[in-house]
Amino acid sequence: MFQPDLFTKDTVAERATLPADVVTLCVERGQKQAAAVASAANDEALDLPAVLERLARISTRPRYTFMVLNLIARAAGRSNSAGPYVQEKGRAIPVRDWLSDALIPMAQRDVRRRAVVDQVRRDLEHKGMLPPDSAAAEQCIADEVRERHLHSGRTNVSRAVSDLVRAGLIHRHYQGYRIDHSNRGAQREAVYTIVPAVQCALGKGAVG
């Protein structure tokens, strides 16, 4: 039995519309690492009910975590790995940020959204940052609300991925660095590799 979740509908997991040109950037090093991870993956036979049952045992938010798993599978495309970047509309986006952005529509349906908007409005008014024009002020509030959703979304995605790793459904490693950062070793991005049995359970087993 699923535990209560913050979201009311599983629209992302139910194939909500995402840009058609979303593909994972593949690099040779990442492909080799992903292959090594996949070869050591758990080969236990799993079907979809078994995947859901694992999530119900491991995660406090199994429905949300299942949505993240579905999005990882979709970002992986014809491979079994997503990351370190997802290519969308000519931009290379870190996979965790892409997941967070894809889940924003869920956060916007959250019953707490009105409270978040009101809090942002109060904060911006207190700081004197709201433009006098009402339309500009509403846009400023909307931008800040989105930024806060993205920030909390990154945290939620990381927790969901940790649950997926603990459940033995995916593997996570880090790769690469940002060349514009002085501490390059601290800027490695995540790569998520789906266990082969889970790919089959999600209906991707026949995809090569």
Protein backbone atom coordinates (compact mmCIF):
# COMPACT_ATOMS: atom_id res chain seq x y z
CA MET A 1 0.00 0.00 0.00
CA PHE A 2 1.41 3.38 -0.99
CA GLN A 3 1.97 5.95 1.68
CA PRO A 4 0.43 9.43 1.30
CA ASP A 5 2.30 11.59 -1.20
CA LEU A 6 2.44 15.34 -1.65
CA PHE A 7 1.23 15.04 -5.22
CA THR A 8 -2.33 14.16 -6.21
CA LYS A 9 -1.74 12.82 -9.73
CA ASP A 10 1.04 10.78 -11.26
CA THR A 11 0.96 12.66 -14.57
CA VAL A 12 4.69 12.54 -15.19
CA ALA A 13 4.84 8.79 -14.60
CA GLU A 14 1.80 8.44 -16.85
CA ARG A 15 3.74 9.79 -19.86
CA ALA A 16 3.11 13.50 -19.46
CA THR A 17 4.28 15.47 -22.48
CA LEU A 18 8.00 16.23 -22.52
CA PRO A 19 10.08 17.73 -25.33
CA ALA A 20 10.61 15.20 -28.11
CA ASP A 21 14.25 16.11 -28.51
CA VAL A 22 15.30 15.05 -25.03
CA VAL A 23 18.26 12.73 -25.31
CA THR A 24 21.12 11.85 -23.01
CA LEU A 25 24.52 13.11 -24.05
CA CYS A 26 26.69 10.04 -24.52
CA VAL A 27 30.42 10.18 -24.02
CA GLU A 28 32.77 7.26 -24.45
CA ARG A 29 33.96 7.26 -20.87
CA GLY A 30 30.43 7.34 -19.53
CA GLN A 31 29.38 4.47 -21.78
CA LYS A 32 32.23 2.30 -20.51
CA GLN A 33 31.41 3.09 -16.89
CA ALA A 34 27.72 2.43 -17.45
CA ALA A 35 28.47 -0.93 -19.08
CA ALA A 36 30.60 -1.95 -16.11
CA VAL A 37 27.86 -0.99 -13.69
CA ALA A 38 25.20 -2.79 -15.70
CA SER A 39 27.22 -6.01 -15.87
CA ALA A 40 27.40 -6.09 -12.08
CA ALA A 41 23.72 -5.23 -11.63
CA ASN A 42 21.24 -7.41 -9.80
CA ASP A 43 19.81 -9.95 -12.28
CA GLU A 44 16.88 -10.91 -10.06
CA ALA A 45 13.66 -11.22 -12.07
CA LEU A 46 11.43 -8.25 -11.36
CA ASP A 47 8.02 -7.24 -12.60
CA LEU A 48 6.32 -3.89 -12.11
CA PRO A 49 4.44 -4.93 -8.92
CA ALA A 50 7.74 -6.10 -7.42
CA VAL A 51 9.36 -2.75 -8.24
CA LEU A 52 6.47 -0.89 -6.61
CA GLU A 53 6.59 -3.18 -3.58
CA ARG A 54 10.29 -2.44 -3.09
CA LEU A 55 9.65 1.27 -3.26
CA ALA A 56 6.81 0.99 -0.76
CA ARG A 57 9.20 -0.72 1.67
CA ILE A 58 12.16 1.60 1.16
CA SER A 59 10.78 5.05 0.42
CA THR A 60 8.61 7.39 2.47
CA ARG A 61 7.39 8.86 -0.84
CA PRO A 62 7.11 5.84 -3.15
CA ARG A 63 4.89 7.48 -5.78
CA TYR A 64 7.24 10.43 -6.18
CA THR A 65 10.23 8.08 -6.27
CA PHE A 66 8.53 5.99 -8.95
CA MET A 67 7.98 9.13 -11.03
CA VAL A 68 11.71 9.87 -10.75
CA LEU A 69 12.52 6.32 -11.87
CA ASN A 70 10.23 6.69 -14.91
CA LEU A 71 11.83 10.00 -15.85
CA ILE A 72 15.32 8.52 -15.54
CA ALA A 73 14.25 5.70 -17.87
CA ARG A 74 12.89 8.21 -20.38
CA ALA A 75 16.00 10.39 -20.20
CA ALA A 76 18.12 7.28 -20.78
CA GLY A 77 16.37 6.73 -24.10
CA ARG A 78 17.78 3.67 -25.89
CA SER A 79 20.52 3.13 -23.31
CA ASN A 80 20.30 2.13 -19.66
CA SER A 81 21.97 5.28 -18.30
CA ALA A 82 20.92 8.91 -17.91
CA GLY A 83 23.48 11.65 -17.43
CA PRO A 84 25.69 13.34 -16.72
CA TYR A 85 23.79 15.73 -18.98
CA VAL A 86 20.49 15.71 -20.84
CA GLN A 87 20.34 17.59 -24.13
CA GLU A 88 17.20 19.70 -24.46
CA LYS A 89 16.59 22.45 -27.00
CA GLY A 90 20.31 22.85 -27.62
CA ARG A 91 21.22 23.04 -23.93
CA ALA A 92 23.18 20.49 -21.91
CA ILE A 93 21.40 20.25 -18.55
CA PRO A 94 22.72 18.23 -15.56
CA VAL A 95 20.42 15.23 -15.20
CA ARG A 96 19.37 16.14 -11.65
CA ASP A 97 18.37 19.64 -12.76
CA TRP A 98 16.46 18.20 -15.72
CA LEU A 99 14.56 15.87 -13.39
CA SER A 100 13.78 18.73 -11.01
CA ASP A 101 12.50 20.88 -13.85
CA ALA A 102 10.35 18.05 -15.25
CA LEU A 103 8.71 17.62 -11.84
CA ILE A 104 7.84 21.29 -11.35
CA PRO A 105 4.28 20.77 -12.71
CA MET A 106 3.74 18.33 -9.84
CA ALA A 107 4.95 20.85 -7.28
CA GLN A 108 2.65 23.48 -8.77
CA ARG A 109 -0.32 21.23 -8.04
CA ASP A 110 0.77 20.89 -4.45
CA VAL A 111 -1.75 22.16 -1.90
CA ARG A 112 1.05 24.23 -0.41
CA ARG A 113 1.60 26.23 -3.58
CA ARG A 114 -0.65 29.09 -2.47
CA ALA A 115 1.28 29.33 0.79
CA VAL A 116 4.57 29.41 -1.14
CA VAL A 117 3.31 32.20 -3.40
CA ASP A 118 2.11 34.21 -0.41
CA GLN A 119 5.42 33.73 1.38
CA VAL A 120 7.40 34.82 -1.67
CA ARG A 121 5.21 37.90 -2.04
CA ARG A 122 5.82 38.84 1.60
CA ASP A 123 9.56 38.25 1.31
CA LEU A 124 9.89 40.38 -1.82
CA GLU A 125 7.73 43.14 -0.37
CA HIS A 126 9.83 43.15 2.81
CA LYS A 127 13.02 43.47 0.75
CA GLY A 128 11.49 46.18 -1.46
CA MET A 129 12.11 44.09 -4.56
CA LEU A 130 8.62 44.14 -6.09
CA PRO A 131 8.20 46.44 -9.13
CA PRO A 132 5.39 49.02 -8.88
CA ASP A 133 3.78 47.64 -12.04
CA SER A 134 1.39 44.84 -11.05
CA ALA A 135 2.13 42.65 -14.08
CA ALA A 136 5.88 42.96 -13.53
CA ALA A 137 5.41 42.23 -9.83
CA GLU A 138 3.46 39.04 -10.57
CA GLN A 139 6.17 37.91 -13.01
CA CYS A 140 8.83 38.59 -10.39
CA ILE A 141 6.88 36.51 -7.87
CA ALA A 142 6.39 33.69 -10.40
CA ASP A 143 10.12 33.62 -11.20
CA GLU A 144 11.05 33.42 -7.52
CA VAL A 145 8.46 30.71 -6.86
CA ARG A 146 9.90 28.67 -9.73
CA GLU A 147 13.43 29.13 -8.39
CA ARG A 148 12.35 27.91 -4.97
CA HIS A 149 10.59 24.92 -6.51
CA LEU A 150 13.78 24.08 -8.42
CA HIS A 151 15.88 24.35 -5.28
CA SER A 152 13.60 22.09 -3.25
CA GLY A 153 13.17 19.85 -6.29
CA ARG A 154 16.90 19.14 -6.48
CA THR A 155 16.85 18.04 -2.84
CA ASN A 156 13.76 15.88 -3.39
CA VAL A 157 15.26 14.27 -6.49
CA SER A 158 18.49 13.46 -4.65
CA ARG A 159 16.50 11.80 -1.86
CA ALA A 160 14.41 9.85 -4.35
CA VAL A 161 17.53 8.67 -6.19
CA SER A 162 19.06 7.58 -2.88
CA ASP A 163 15.91 5.53 -2.22
CA LEU A 164 16.18 3.97 -5.69
CA VAL A 165 19.82 3.07 -5.01
CA ARG A 166 18.93 1.57 -1.62
CA ALA A 167 16.15 -0.42 -3.26
CA GLY A 168 18.66 -1.85 -5.75
CA LEU A 169 16.79 -0.44 -8.74
CA ILE A 170 19.48 1.90 -10.07
CA HIS A 171 23.18 2.61 -9.59
CA ARG A 172 24.67 6.07 -9.27
CA HIS A 173 28.16 7.30 -10.03
CA TYR A 174 29.74 10.66 -10.78
CA GLN A 175 31.63 11.76 -13.84
CA GLY A 176 33.33 14.79 -15.37
CA TYR A 177 33.95 18.26 -14.00
CA ARG A 178 33.06 21.84 -14.77
CA ILE A 179 35.94 23.56 -16.52
CA ASP A 180 34.82 26.99 -15.31
CA HIS A 181 35.12 26.12 -11.62
CA SER A 182 38.33 26.45 -9.61
CA ASN A 183 37.63 23.29 -7.61
CA ARG A 184 37.00 20.98 -10.55
CA GLY A 185 36.94 17.77 -8.54
CA ALA A 186 33.95 19.01 -6.54
CA GLN A 187 31.83 19.62 -9.66
CA ARG A 188 31.30 16.07 -10.87
CA GLU A 189 27.81 15.36 -12.18
CA ALA A 190 25.65 12.31 -11.49
CA VAL A 191 25.00 9.43 -13.88
CA TYR A 192 22.09 7.08 -13.12
CA THR A 193 22.17 3.51 -14.47
CA ILE A 194 19.02 1.39 -14.37
CA VAL A 195 19.33 -2.27 -13.39
CA PRO A 196 18.51 -4.49 -16.42
CA ALA A 197 15.68 -6.30 -14.63
CA VAL A 198 14.10 -2.95 -13.81
CA GLN A 199 14.36 -1.91 -17.46
CA CYS A 200 12.35 -5.00 -18.37
CA ALA A 201 9.78 -4.24 -15.66
CA LEU A 202 9.37 -0.73 -17.07
CA GLY A 203 8.86 -2.11 -20.57
CA LYS A 204 12.31 -1.15 -21.87
CA GLY A 205 13.85 -4.61 -21.93
CA ALA A 206 13.52 -5.00 -25.65
CA VAL A 207 15.15 -1.65 -26.35
CA GLY A 208 18.79 -1.99 -27.35
